């Protein structure tokens, strides 16, 4: 069941546009997986990270389409998967967004957390530290 909101569509489109265009200047340090140097996990981590641009696109699409149900599900999936692939900071960030959505917070109130998560996805690397 998709959650309804009282905000006009233009608000969501503006938020999506801002998230898309936002220059992520606050922190540009790479985020490394704790498993990247493990020979058993190297290729898996690389493959996982290669999907991050698609995940970011899905998140932006959820925002522009005001699909809060899919956004929450995507953040839940990322919360679990990022931890399993050695990215605890991404897990924490995704969890913060997910919990906000579960609590019924608006996209506007979650804008900083969503932006932070998208920034972290851009910075994450499967390379070794």
C-alpha atoms as a PDB file:
ATOM      1  CA  UNK A   1       0.000   0.000   0.000  1.00  0.00           C
ATOM      2  CA  UNK A   2       1.532   3.298  -1.067  1.00  0.00           C
ATOM      3  CA  UNK A   3       1.539   5.998   1.596  1.00  0.00           C
ATOM      4  CA  UNK A   4      -0.322   9.179   0.658  1.00  0.00           C
ATOM      5  CA  UNK A   5       1.030  12.630   1.443  1.00  0.00           C
ATOM      6  CA  UNK A   6      -0.529  16.072   1.494  1.00  0.00           C
ATOM      7  CA  UNK A   7       2.447  17.776  -0.150  1.00  0.00           C
ATOM      8  CA  UNK A   8       2.074  19.001  -3.716  1.00  0.00           C
ATOM      9  CA  UNK A   9       3.918  17.122  -6.446  1.00  0.00           C
ATOM     10  CA  UNK A  10       6.004  20.213  -7.163  1.00  0.00           C
ATOM     11  CA  UNK A  11       7.518  19.907  -3.682  1.00  0.00           C
ATOM     12  CA  UNK A  12       8.674  16.377  -4.429  1.00  0.00           C
ATOM     13  CA  UNK A  13       9.987  17.329  -7.854  1.00  0.00           C
ATOM     14  CA  UNK A  14      11.906  20.245  -6.340  1.00  0.00           C
ATOM     15  CA  UNK A  15      13.379  17.958  -3.692  1.00  0.00           C
ATOM     16  CA  UNK A  16      14.362  15.414  -6.322  1.00  0.00           C
ATOM     17  CA  UNK A  17      15.967  18.127  -8.436  1.00  0.00           C
ATOM     18  CA  UNK A  18      17.909  19.441  -5.443  1.00  0.00           C
ATOM     19  CA  UNK A  19      19.125  15.951  -4.577  1.00  0.00           C
ATOM     20  CA  UNK A  20      20.192  15.351  -8.151  1.00  0.00           C
ATOM     21  CA  UNK A  21      22.044  18.640  -8.511  1.00  0.00           C
ATOM     22  CA  UNK A  22      23.414  18.934  -4.992  1.00  0.00           C
ATOM     23  CA  UNK A  23      27.191  19.237  -4.968  1.00  0.00           C
ATOM     24  CA  UNK A  24      28.458  16.900  -2.309  1.00  0.00           C
ATOM     25  CA  UNK A  25      31.223  19.057  -0.890  1.00  0.00           C
ATOM     26  CA  UNK A  26      30.916  18.243   2.799  1.00  0.00           C
ATOM     27  CA  UNK A  27      33.029  15.109   2.647  1.00  0.00           C
ATOM     28  CA  UNK A  28      34.742  13.558  -0.321  1.00  0.00           C
ATOM     29  CA  UNK A  29      36.845  10.944   1.472  1.00  0.00           C
ATOM     30  CA  UNK A  30      36.395   7.417   0.084  1.00  0.00           C
ATOM     31  CA  UNK A  31      34.465   4.905   2.142  1.00  0.00           C
ATOM     32  CA  UNK A  32      36.110   1.487   2.111  1.00  0.00           C
ATOM     33  CA  UNK A  33      34.580  -1.883   2.830  1.00  0.00           C
ATOM     34  CA  UNK A  34      36.080  -3.727   5.761  1.00  0.00           C
ATOM     35  CA  UNK A  35      35.989  -6.825   3.505  1.00  0.00           C
ATOM     36  CA  UNK A  36      37.733  -5.330   0.450  1.00  0.00           C
ATOM     37  CA  UNK A  37      41.108  -6.826   1.330  1.00  0.00           C
ATOM     38  CA  UNK A  38      39.691 -10.296   1.998  1.00  0.00           C
ATOM     39  CA  UNK A  39      40.399 -12.446  -1.090  1.00  0.00           C
ATOM     40  CA  UNK A  40      37.145 -14.349  -0.524  1.00  0.00           C
ATOM     41  CA  UNK A  41      35.091 -11.158  -0.717  1.00  0.00           C
ATOM     42  CA  UNK A  42      37.031  -8.795  -3.039  1.00  0.00           C
ATOM     43  CA  UNK A  43      35.049  -9.564  -6.175  1.00  0.00           C
ATOM     44  CA  UNK A  44      31.729  -9.610  -4.334  1.00  0.00           C
ATOM     45  CA  UNK A  45      32.387  -6.185  -2.808  1.00  0.00           C
ATOM     46  CA  UNK A  46      33.385  -4.785  -6.204  1.00  0.00           C
ATOM     47  CA  UNK A  47      30.197  -6.152  -7.762  1.00  0.00           C
ATOM     48  CA  UNK A  48      28.071  -4.785  -4.919  1.00  0.00           C
ATOM     49  CA  UNK A  49      29.587  -1.305  -5.194  1.00  0.00           C
ATOM     50  CA  UNK A  50      29.108  -1.331  -8.977  1.00  0.00           C
ATOM     51  CA  UNK A  51      25.337  -1.353  -8.335  1.00  0.00           C
ATOM     52  CA  UNK A  52      25.410   1.848  -6.257  1.00  0.00           C
ATOM     53  CA  UNK A  53      24.703   4.195  -9.186  1.00  0.00           C
ATOM     54  CA  UNK A  54      21.572   2.139  -9.954  1.00  0.00           C
ATOM     55  CA  UNK A  55      20.523   2.259  -6.304  1.00  0.00           C
ATOM     56  CA  UNK A  56      21.006   6.033  -6.242  1.00  0.00           C
ATOM     57  CA  UNK A  57      18.858   6.327  -9.365  1.00  0.00           C
ATOM     58  CA  UNK A  58      16.157   4.210  -7.730  1.00  0.00           C
ATOM     59  CA  UNK A  59      16.194   6.463  -4.661  1.00  0.00           C
ATOM     60  CA  UNK A  60      15.923   9.598  -6.811  1.00  0.00           C
ATOM     61  CA  UNK A  61      13.090   8.000  -8.774  1.00  0.00           C
ATOM     62  CA  UNK A  62      11.241   7.206  -5.547  1.00  0.00           C
ATOM     63  CA  UNK A  63      11.519  10.818  -4.513  1.00  0.00           C
ATOM     64  CA  UNK A  64      10.393  12.271  -7.818  1.00  0.00           C
ATOM     65  CA  UNK A  65       7.550   9.741  -7.992  1.00  0.00           C
ATOM     66  CA  UNK A  66       6.737  10.235  -4.300  1.00  0.00           C
ATOM     67  CA  UNK A  67       6.856   6.473  -3.833  1.00  0.00           C
ATOM     68  CA  UNK A  68       7.568   6.369  -0.121  1.00  0.00           C
ATOM     69  CA  UNK A  69       6.823   2.657   0.124  1.00  0.00           C
ATOM     70  CA  UNK A  70       9.500   1.741  -2.433  1.00  0.00           C
ATOM     71  CA  UNK A  71      11.908   4.263  -0.908  1.00  0.00           C
ATOM     72  CA  UNK A  72      11.478   2.693   2.517  1.00  0.00           C
ATOM     73  CA  UNK A  73      11.917  -0.813   1.086  1.00  0.00           C
ATOM     74  CA  UNK A  74      15.044   0.260  -0.836  1.00  0.00           C
ATOM     75  CA  UNK A  75      16.556   1.863   2.261  1.00  0.00           C
ATOM     76  CA  UNK A  76      15.747  -1.282   4.273  1.00  0.00           C
ATOM     77  CA  UNK A  77      17.498  -3.448   1.676  1.00  0.00           C
ATOM     78  CA  UNK A  78      20.520  -1.151   1.597  1.00  0.00           C
ATOM     79  CA  UNK A  79      20.634  -1.066   5.383  1.00  0.00           C
ATOM     80  CA  UNK A  80      21.017  -4.834   5.528  1.00  0.00           C
ATOM     81  CA  UNK A  81      23.168  -5.378   2.462  1.00  0.00           C
ATOM     82  CA  UNK A  82      25.689  -2.637   3.218  1.00  0.00           C
ATOM     83  CA  UNK A  83      26.418  -4.167   6.600  1.00  0.00           C
ATOM     84  CA  UNK A  84      26.877  -7.582   5.053  1.00  0.00           C
ATOM     85  CA  UNK A  85      29.396  -6.196   2.580  1.00  0.00           C
ATOM     86  CA  UNK A  86      31.454  -4.364   5.198  1.00  0.00           C
ATOM     87  CA  UNK A  87      30.023  -0.844   4.999  1.00  0.00           C
ATOM     88  CA  UNK A  88      28.719  -0.126   8.521  1.00  0.00           C
ATOM     89  CA  UNK A  89      28.539   3.644   7.973  1.00  0.00           C
ATOM     90  CA  UNK A  90      26.262   3.141   4.973  1.00  0.00           C
ATOM     91  CA  UNK A  91      24.148   0.745   7.036  1.00  0.00           C
ATOM     92  CA  UNK A  92      23.756   3.377   9.735  1.00  0.00           C
ATOM     93  CA  UNK A  93      22.891   6.100   7.220  1.00  0.00           C
ATOM     94  CA  UNK A  94      20.344   3.951   5.357  1.00  0.00           C
ATOM     95  CA  UNK A  95      18.837   2.941   8.687  1.00  0.00           C
ATOM     96  CA  UNK A  96      18.409   6.559   9.691  1.00  0.00           C
ATOM     97  CA  UNK A  97      16.431   7.269   6.514  1.00  0.00           C
ATOM     98  CA  UNK A  98      14.420   4.066   6.866  1.00  0.00           C
ATOM     99  CA  UNK A  99      13.500   4.811  10.488  1.00  0.00           C
ATOM    100  CA  UNK A 100      12.445   8.340   9.550  1.00  0.00           C
ATOM    101  CA  UNK A 101      10.185   6.986   6.829  1.00  0.00           C
ATOM    102  CA  UNK A 102       8.713   4.405   9.210  1.00  0.00           C
ATOM    103  CA  UNK A 103       7.974   7.215  11.669  1.00  0.00           C
ATOM    104  CA  UNK A 104       6.068   9.096   8.962  1.00  0.00           C
ATOM    105  CA  UNK A 105       8.553  11.941   8.538  1.00  0.00           C
ATOM    106  CA  UNK A 106       8.221  13.979   5.354  1.00  0.00           C
ATOM    107  CA  UNK A 107      10.743  13.841   2.544  1.00  0.00           C
ATOM    108  CA  UNK A 108      11.573  17.464   3.291  1.00  0.00           C
ATOM    109  CA  UNK A 109      12.496  16.607   6.873  1.00  0.00           C
ATOM    110  CA  UNK A 110      14.617  13.695   5.625  1.00  0.00           C
ATOM    111  CA  UNK A 111      16.348  15.677   2.873  1.00  0.00           C
ATOM    112  CA  UNK A 112      19.667  16.007   4.722  1.00  0.00           C
ATOM    113  CA  UNK A 113      19.754  12.298   5.619  1.00  0.00           C
ATOM    114  CA  UNK A 114      18.891  11.224   2.075  1.00  0.00           C
ATOM    115  CA  UNK A 115      21.532  13.580   0.671  1.00  0.00           C
ATOM    116  CA  UNK A 116      24.082  12.191   3.095  1.00  0.00           C
ATOM    117  CA  UNK A 117      23.295   8.625   2.050  1.00  0.00           C
ATOM    118  CA  UNK A 118      23.540   9.476  -1.650  1.00  0.00           C
ATOM    119  CA  UNK A 119      26.862  11.190  -0.978  1.00  0.00           C
ATOM    120  CA  UNK A 120      28.108   8.104   0.824  1.00  0.00           C
ATOM    121  CA  UNK A 121      27.087   5.885  -2.093  1.00  0.00           C
ATOM    122  CA  UNK A 122      29.180   8.074  -4.404  1.00  0.00           C
ATOM    123  CA  UNK A 123      32.153   7.861  -2.072  1.00  0.00           C
ATOM    124  CA  UNK A 124      31.978   4.120  -1.406  1.00  0.00           C
ATOM    125  CA  UNK A 125      34.583   2.023  -3.153  1.00  0.00           C
ATOM    126  CA  UNK A 126      35.352  -1.654  -3.450  1.00  0.00           C
ATOM    127  CA  UNK A 127      39.057  -0.834  -3.576  1.00  0.00           C
ATOM    128  CA  UNK A 128      41.336  -1.655  -0.678  1.00  0.00           C
ATOM    129  CA  UNK A 129      42.183   1.119   1.777  1.00  0.00           C
END
